[in-house]
């Protein structure tokens, strides 16, 4: 889509929106504060972008840019350099970013490679010095997807397809270690969705319908978290910094999603009802201390980014910004909140910009 320069310049002028108001903190005191909404733009020649993960302090954003023809490339964004493409694995044609280390220096991605052994879907670890370095796949598996990266960038969680899918852990340059499958007979399966920042807990699903959500400890021992009462499937999507709090999504037989929160003390609990106009809730990410959850839910017109805390329950992210900071983001639809930084002060996601394009954004909350 061709965009007239003057029109785009006007959008750029509005790319950083200050959100100013007063808010009540945990101590009940009211103080002036400012939050900032930033849209991240696109790679040159690309027409869409989606943010998928943040560094611990929210200063580095990673995600995937795409063209109208469907070409995809992983990106890294910071305020100093803007959006920069990460390229591909050797002889690859596409890439996407799934996670980033605490300091933003290591990025976990997925892509293809024609180099031996060729793969249509493999995992890479990216650094500025080495570029996209492919991780070894398990024996007899050539389709793998990375989903989680520890804060120090040394431990990777992902899923590979052999005869069925299985969750795996990669530590450094060692061979991947399978975390086991769940279910019966030829229907056994498992998948890894995320890893805690300290690297001690991997979360995901066993057999989504037979066992529901699962967590694995550092020694590989699995704990079945299950699903909410009456539901038919579930998966765990994210963990707090130390893995003590886990969030995920459980579905009923009508495929209505309900976000859950799990701790050893309380077990699995419904995270709260969806806000008005939203049909179900899906948790995507949790702050390091486990106090804030972000995600999304379907609406009659598409999707809506959501935020949860114990004081307010689930709210539309756009409504929360309007209520807490008296701000409107004109022309934007915030579709999905995909990540909240470990420190809880930056939220990443994507939505529809005033020109009708899918674009990545972040919201920086006051410290």
Protein backbone atom coordinates (compact mmCIF):
# COMPACT_ATOMS: atom_id res chain seq x y z
CA UNK A 1 0.00 0.00 0.00
CA UNK A 2 1.45 3.37 -1.04
CA UNK A 3 1.23 6.12 1.58
CA UNK A 4 1.55 9.76 0.75
CA UNK A 5 4.54 11.28 2.49
CA UNK A 6 2.65 14.15 4.10
CA UNK A 7 0.01 11.82 5.52
CA UNK A 8 2.63 9.51 6.96
CA UNK A 9 4.55 12.47 8.39
CA UNK A 10 1.42 13.49 10.26
CA UNK A 11 1.15 10.00 11.73
CA UNK A 12 4.80 10.09 12.77
CA UNK A 13 4.23 13.34 14.62
CA UNK A 14 1.61 11.53 16.70
CA UNK A 15 3.71 8.42 17.27
CA UNK A 16 4.61 9.35 20.82
CA UNK A 17 1.49 10.20 22.79
CA UNK A 18 1.97 11.46 26.36
CA UNK A 19 -0.62 10.06 28.75
CA UNK A 20 -0.79 12.49 31.67
CA UNK A 21 -2.98 12.32 34.75
CA UNK A 22 -3.04 11.42 38.42
CA UNK A 23 -3.25 7.88 39.71
CA UNK A 24 -3.54 6.10 43.01
CA UNK A 25 -0.65 3.79 43.81
CA UNK A 26 -0.62 0.78 46.14
CA UNK A 27 -0.25 3.07 49.16
CA UNK A 28 -3.32 5.07 48.20
CA UNK A 29 -1.34 8.24 47.54
CA UNK A 30 -2.12 10.34 44.50
CA UNK A 31 0.77 11.76 42.49
CA UNK A 32 1.22 13.26 39.03
CA UNK A 33 2.46 10.76 36.48
CA UNK A 34 2.92 10.27 32.78
CA UNK A 35 2.60 7.25 30.55
CA UNK A 36 3.65 7.11 26.89
CA UNK A 37 2.20 5.28 23.88
CA UNK A 38 4.70 4.64 21.06
CA UNK A 39 3.94 3.00 17.74
CA UNK A 40 7.00 1.24 16.36
CA UNK A 41 6.55 1.57 12.60
CA UNK A 42 7.75 -0.90 9.96
CA UNK A 43 10.89 -2.21 8.36
CA UNK A 44 11.64 -0.56 4.98
CA UNK A 45 9.44 -2.17 2.34
CA UNK A 46 7.24 -3.92 4.92
CA UNK A 47 3.61 -3.08 5.63
CA UNK A 48 2.88 -4.69 9.01
CA UNK A 49 4.57 -5.35 12.33
CA UNK A 50 3.75 -7.25 15.53
CA UNK A 51 5.60 -6.95 18.85
CA UNK A 52 6.04 -10.25 20.69
CA UNK A 53 8.48 -9.72 23.60
CA UNK A 54 10.34 -7.17 25.74
CA UNK A 55 13.61 -7.00 27.62
CA UNK A 56 13.35 -6.86 31.42
CA UNK A 57 13.19 -3.05 31.55
CA UNK A 58 11.13 -2.71 28.35
CA UNK A 59 13.82 -0.81 26.44
CA UNK A 60 14.22 -3.50 23.75
CA UNK A 61 11.26 -4.81 21.77
CA UNK A 62 11.35 -7.80 19.43
CA UNK A 63 8.77 -8.99 16.97
CA UNK A 64 8.03 -9.78 13.36
CA UNK A 65 7.50 -7.55 10.34
CA UNK A 66 5.66 -8.73 7.24
CA UNK A 67 4.99 -7.62 3.68
CA UNK A 68 1.76 -7.63 1.72
CA UNK A 69 3.05 -10.74 -0.04
CA UNK A 70 3.48 -12.55 3.29
CA UNK A 71 7.26 -12.32 3.66
CA UNK A 72 8.34 -12.19 7.31
CA UNK A 73 11.44 -10.96 9.10
CA UNK A 74 12.27 -10.74 12.80
CA UNK A 75 13.06 -7.28 14.16
CA UNK A 76 14.65 -5.61 17.17
CA UNK A 77 13.55 -2.11 18.24
CA UNK A 78 14.91 0.40 20.71
CA UNK A 79 14.52 4.15 21.05
CA UNK A 80 18.02 4.87 19.76
CA UNK A 81 17.97 2.88 16.51
CA UNK A 82 14.30 2.29 15.86
CA UNK A 83 13.30 -0.95 14.11
CA UNK A 84 16.13 -3.07 12.67
CA UNK A 85 15.69 -6.34 10.77
CA UNK A 86 17.56 -9.38 12.09
CA UNK A 87 17.83 -11.26 8.82
CA UNK A 88 17.54 -15.03 8.52
CA UNK A 89 19.31 -18.26 9.24
CA UNK A 90 21.78 -19.36 6.57
CA UNK A 91 19.97 -19.75 3.22
CA UNK A 92 16.69 -18.87 4.91
CA UNK A 93 13.72 -16.96 3.51
CA UNK A 94 11.73 -15.99 6.60
CA UNK A 95 12.23 -15.34 10.31
CA UNK A 96 10.20 -14.34 13.36
CA UNK A 97 11.17 -13.31 16.90
CA UNK A 98 9.68 -15.14 19.89
CA UNK A 99 11.57 -13.92 22.97
CA UNK A 100 14.48 -11.78 24.17
CA UNK A 101 16.94 -11.92 27.06
CA UNK A 102 16.68 -9.58 30.05
CA UNK A 103 19.30 -7.18 28.70
CA UNK A 104 18.04 -7.34 25.11
CA UNK A 105 21.27 -8.79 23.68
CA UNK A 106 20.03 -12.30 22.84
CA UNK A 107 16.93 -12.96 20.76
CA UNK A 108 15.15 -16.26 20.22
CA UNK A 109 13.67 -16.70 16.78
CA UNK A 110 12.22 -19.17 14.31
CA UNK A 111 12.72 -19.56 10.60
CA UNK A 112 13.69 -21.82 7.72
CA UNK A 113 17.06 -22.83 6.34
CA UNK A 114 18.18 -24.59 3.18
CA UNK A 115 21.58 -25.43 4.67
CA UNK A 116 22.23 -29.01 5.75
CA UNK A 117 20.22 -30.36 7.33
CA UNK A 118 17.55 -28.29 5.61
CA UNK A 119 14.43 -27.39 7.57
CA UNK A 120 11.22 -25.51 6.83
CA UNK A 121 10.98 -24.67 10.56
CA UNK A 122 13.93 -24.34 12.92
CA UNK A 123 15.05 -22.35 15.97
CA UNK A 124 17.82 -19.77 16.17
CA UNK A 125 19.51 -17.68 18.82
CA UNK A 126 20.48 -14.20 17.57
CA UNK A 127 23.26 -11.95 18.86
CA UNK A 128 24.80 -8.86 17.28
CA UNK A 129 28.14 -10.63 16.80
CA UNK A 130 26.97 -13.99 15.49
CA UNK A 131 23.67 -13.16 13.83
CA UNK A 132 21.04 -15.92 13.64
CA UNK A 133 22.69 -19.15 14.82
CA UNK A 134 20.61 -22.27 14.38
CA UNK A 135 20.03 -24.57 17.35
CA UNK A 136 20.31 -28.31 16.85
CA UNK A 137 17.06 -30.19 16.42
CA UNK A 138 16.41 -33.50 18.20
CA UNK A 139 17.08 -36.68 16.26
CA UNK A 140 14.40 -37.46 13.69
CA UNK A 141 12.80 -34.03 14.09
CA UNK A 142 13.05 -31.35 11.44
CA UNK A 143 10.16 -29.10 12.51
CA UNK A 144 10.85 -27.09 15.67
CA UNK A 145 9.52 -23.87 17.17
CA UNK A 146 11.19 -21.87 19.96
CA UNK A 147 8.91 -20.09 22.41
CA UNK A 148 10.80 -19.18 25.58
CA UNK A 149 14.22 -17.76 26.54
CA UNK A 150 15.67 -17.40 30.04
CA UNK A 151 16.69 -13.96 31.23
CA UNK A 152 20.40 -14.67 30.72
CA UNK A 153 19.76 -15.96 27.20
CA UNK A 154 21.25 -19.42 27.82
CA UNK A 155 18.15 -21.64 28.14
CA UNK A 156 15.58 -22.11 25.38
CA UNK A 157 12.17 -23.75 25.59
CA UNK A 158 10.41 -24.99 22.49
CA UNK A 159 8.50 -27.75 20.76
CA UNK A 160 9.58 -30.18 18.05
CA UNK A 161 7.60 -32.56 15.87
CA UNK A 162 8.81 -36.11 15.70
CA UNK A 163 5.99 -38.65 15.41
CA UNK A 164 4.04 -36.21 17.60
CA UNK A 165 4.96 -32.92 19.21
CA UNK A 166 7.18 -32.85 22.32
CA UNK A 167 8.41 -30.03 24.55
CA UNK A 168 12.21 -29.61 24.67
CA UNK A 169 14.82 -27.63 26.60
CA UNK A 170 18.10 -26.37 25.11
CA UNK A 171 20.87 -25.31 27.51
CA UNK A 172 23.81 -23.48 25.98
CA UNK A 173 25.22 -25.48 23.08
CA UNK A 174 24.22 -28.87 24.49
CA UNK A 175 21.84 -31.17 22.65
CA UNK A 176 18.13 -30.59 23.31
CA UNK A 177 16.50 -32.60 26.07
CA UNK A 178 12.95 -33.87 25.67
CA UNK A 179 10.51 -33.15 28.48
CA UNK A 180 8.19 -36.05 27.78
CA UNK A 181 4.74 -36.52 26.28
CA UNK A 182 1.32 -36.95 27.85
CA UNK A 183 -1.77 -38.81 26.75
CA UNK A 184 -2.36 -42.33 25.57
CA UNK A 185 -1.04 -44.53 22.80
CA UNK A 186 -0.21 -42.73 19.58
CA UNK A 187 -1.96 -39.58 20.83
CA UNK A 188 0.82 -38.61 23.27
CA UNK A 189 1.99 -35.02 22.95
CA UNK A 190 3.35 -31.97 24.79
CA UNK A 191 4.31 -28.38 23.97
CA UNK A 192 6.38 -25.65 25.65
CA UNK A 193 5.04 -22.10 25.62
CA UNK A 194 7.37 -20.07 27.87
CA UNK A 195 10.15 -20.16 30.47
CA UNK A 196 10.56 -18.16 33.67
CA UNK A 197 13.20 -15.43 33.60
CA UNK A 198 15.38 -17.30 36.09
CA UNK A 199 15.24 -20.40 33.86
CA UNK A 200 13.87 -22.74 36.53
CA UNK A 201 10.37 -23.35 35.16
CA UNK A 202 9.05 -24.15 31.68
CA UNK A 203 5.31 -23.98 31.10
CA UNK A 204 3.00 -25.21 28.37
CA UNK A 205 0.65 -28.13 27.86
CA UNK A 206 0.80 -31.87 28.05
CA UNK A 207 -2.06 -33.29 26.06
CA UNK A 208 -4.26 -30.15 26.01
CA UNK A 209 -7.50 -32.12 26.44
CA UNK A 210 -6.33 -35.04 28.62
CA UNK A 211 -3.93 -33.28 30.98
CA UNK A 212 -4.31 -29.56 30.25
CA UNK A 213 -1.63 -27.13 31.41
CA UNK A 214 1.76 -28.42 32.57
CA UNK A 215 4.89 -27.01 34.18
CA UNK A 216 8.37 -28.55 34.15
CA UNK A 217 11.00 -27.90 36.82
CA UNK A 218 14.69 -27.43 36.01
CA UNK A 219 15.31 -31.17 36.55
CA UNK A 220 12.63 -32.02 33.98
CA UNK A 221 10.04 -33.23 36.49
CA UNK A 222 6.56 -32.31 35.27
CA UNK A 223 3.62 -31.08 37.31
CA UNK A 224 0.17 -31.32 35.74
CA UNK A 225 -1.73 -28.09 36.41
CA UNK A 226 -4.89 -29.26 34.65
CA UNK A 227 -7.72 -27.00 33.57
CA UNK A 228 -10.54 -25.00 35.13
CA UNK A 229 -13.53 -27.06 36.38
CA UNK A 230 -15.85 -28.09 33.56
CA UNK A 231 -13.42 -27.10 30.81
CA UNK A 232 -12.10 -29.36 28.08
CA UNK A 233 -8.54 -28.10 27.38
CA UNK A 234 -5.91 -25.74 28.75
CA UNK A 235 -2.35 -24.51 28.34
CA UNK A 236 0.01 -22.41 30.45
CA UNK A 237 1.29 -19.33 28.63
CA UNK A 238 3.67 -17.48 30.97
CA UNK A 239 5.39 -17.54 34.36
CA UNK A 240 6.55 -14.90 36.82
CA UNK A 241 10.28 -14.23 37.21
CA UNK A 242 10.83 -17.15 39.59
CA UNK A 243 8.06 -19.37 38.22
CA UNK A 244 5.96 -19.14 41.39
CA UNK A 245 2.96 -17.69 39.54
CA UNK A 246 1.77 -19.17 36.24
CA UNK A 247 -0.95 -17.88 33.95
CA UNK A 248 -2.63 -19.48 30.99
CA UNK A 249 -5.89 -20.16 29.24
CA UNK A 250 -8.56 -22.82 29.75
CA UNK A 251 -11.39 -23.50 27.28
CA UNK A 252 -14.87 -24.91 27.71
CA UNK A 253 -16.66 -27.18 25.26
CA UNK A 254 -17.94 -24.13 23.37
CA UNK A 255 -14.32 -22.98 22.89
CA UNK A 256 -14.82 -19.96 25.13
CA UNK A 257 -11.43 -19.07 26.64
CA UNK A 258 -10.96 -18.21 30.32
CA UNK A 259 -7.64 -17.03 31.69
CA UNK A 260 -6.35 -18.69 34.85
CA UNK A 261 -3.73 -18.03 37.51
CA UNK A 262 -1.88 -20.87 39.26
CA UNK A 263 0.22 -20.97 42.43
CA UNK A 264 1.26 -23.94 44.56
CA UNK A 265 -0.71 -22.57 47.49
CA UNK A 266 -3.99 -21.93 45.70
CA UNK A 267 -3.79 -24.17 42.65
CA UNK A 268 -5.59 -23.07 39.49
CA UNK A 269 -8.05 -20.19 39.84
CA UNK A 270 -10.19 -18.30 37.36
CA UNK A 271 -8.47 -14.96 36.80
CA UNK A 272 -11.76 -13.10 36.63
CA UNK A 273 -14.62 -12.44 34.25
CA UNK A 274 -14.16 -10.78 30.87
CA UNK A 275 -14.98 -7.08 30.65
CA UNK A 276 -18.22 -6.03 28.99
CA UNK A 277 -18.22 -6.66 25.24
CA UNK A 278 -15.40 -9.22 25.36
CA UNK A 279 -16.14 -12.90 24.83
CA UNK A 280 -13.58 -14.70 26.97
CA UNK A 281 -10.04 -13.92 28.08
CA UNK A 282 -6.62 -15.30 27.10
CA UNK A 283 -3.52 -14.58 29.21
CA UNK A 284 -0.33 -13.91 27.27
CA UNK A 285 2.25 -12.53 29.73
CA UNK A 286 2.80 -11.73 33.40
CA UNK A 287 5.00 -9.23 35.21
CA UNK A 288 8.03 -10.49 37.11
CA UNK A 289 6.32 -10.24 40.49
CA UNK A 290 3.13 -11.86 39.20
CA UNK A 291 0.90 -8.87 39.93
CA UNK A 292 -0.06 -7.77 36.40
CA UNK A 293 -1.27 -9.93 33.50
CA UNK A 294 -1.85 -8.89 29.90
CA UNK A 295 -3.61 -10.66 27.08
CA UNK A 296 -6.56 -10.35 24.75
CA UNK A 297 -10.10 -11.45 24.09
CA UNK A 298 -12.46 -11.68 21.11
CA UNK A 299 -15.14 -9.05 20.55
CA UNK A 300 -17.91 -8.67 18.02
CA UNK A 301 -15.57 -6.52 15.93
CA UNK A 302 -12.31 -8.48 16.27
CA UNK A 303 -9.96 -8.61 19.25
CA UNK A 304 -9.17 -6.33 22.18
CA UNK A 305 -6.00 -6.00 24.26
CA UNK A 306 -6.63 -6.65 27.97
CA UNK A 307 -4.89 -6.00 31.28
CA UNK A 308 -5.52 -7.55 34.70
CA UNK A 309 -4.56 -6.71 38.26
CA UNK A 310 -6.05 -7.76 41.58
CA UNK A 311 -7.66 -4.36 42.24
CA UNK A 312 -9.48 -4.01 38.92
CA UNK A 313 -9.79 -7.47 37.41
CA UNK A 314 -9.78 -7.64 33.61
CA UNK A 315 -10.08 -4.36 31.74
CA UNK A 316 -9.74 -3.28 28.15
CA UNK A 317 -6.23 -1.86 27.94
CA UNK A 318 -7.53 1.17 26.06
CA UNK A 319 -10.13 1.76 28.78
CA UNK A 320 -7.55 1.35 31.54
CA UNK A 321 -5.35 3.98 29.92
CA UNK A 322 -8.31 6.31 29.59
CA UNK A 323 -9.38 5.76 33.20
CA UNK A 324 -5.98 5.78 34.89
CA UNK A 325 -4.30 8.41 32.71
CA UNK A 326 -7.23 10.21 31.06
CA UNK A 327 -5.92 9.44 27.59
CA UNK A 328 -7.42 8.45 24.28
CA UNK A 329 -5.31 7.11 21.40
CA UNK A 330 -7.25 8.42 18.40
CA UNK A 331 -7.61 6.19 15.37
CA UNK A 332 -6.02 3.16 17.01
CA UNK A 333 -7.48 -0.23 17.88
CA UNK A 334 -5.34 -2.12 20.42
CA UNK A 335 -5.93 -5.72 19.39
CA UNK A 336 -3.48 -7.77 21.47
CA UNK A 337 -1.23 -7.15 24.43
CA UNK A 338 1.46 -9.80 23.95
CA UNK A 339 4.03 -9.04 26.67
CA UNK A 340 4.59 -7.10 29.87
CA UNK A 341 8.17 -6.39 30.88
CA UNK A 342 9.62 -8.12 33.92
CA UNK A 343 9.57 -4.81 35.84
CA UNK A 344 5.88 -4.28 34.97
CA UNK A 345 6.31 -0.82 33.46
CA UNK A 346 6.14 -1.53 29.70
CA UNK A 347 3.47 -3.38 27.73
CA UNK A 348 3.95 -4.51 24.12
CA UNK A 349 1.41 -5.57 21.55
CA UNK A 350 -0.07 -4.77 18.19
CA UNK A 351 -3.22 -3.37 16.69
CA UNK A 352 -4.65 -1.39 13.83
CA UNK A 353 -3.21 2.07 13.24
CA UNK A 354 -5.13 5.08 11.83
CA UNK A 355 -4.20 3.99 8.29
CA UNK A 356 -5.74 0.55 8.78
CA UNK A 357 -2.38 -1.27 9.01
CA UNK A 358 -1.34 -3.84 11.61
CA UNK A 359 1.41 -2.17 13.64
CA UNK A 360 3.43 -2.93 16.76
CA UNK A 361 3.19 -0.62 19.76
CA UNK A 362 4.39 -0.25 23.33
CA UNK A 363 2.93 1.57 26.34
CA UNK A 364 5.45 2.86 28.86
CA UNK A 365 3.87 3.21 32.30
CA UNK A 366 5.27 5.58 34.96
CA UNK A 367 7.94 4.30 37.33
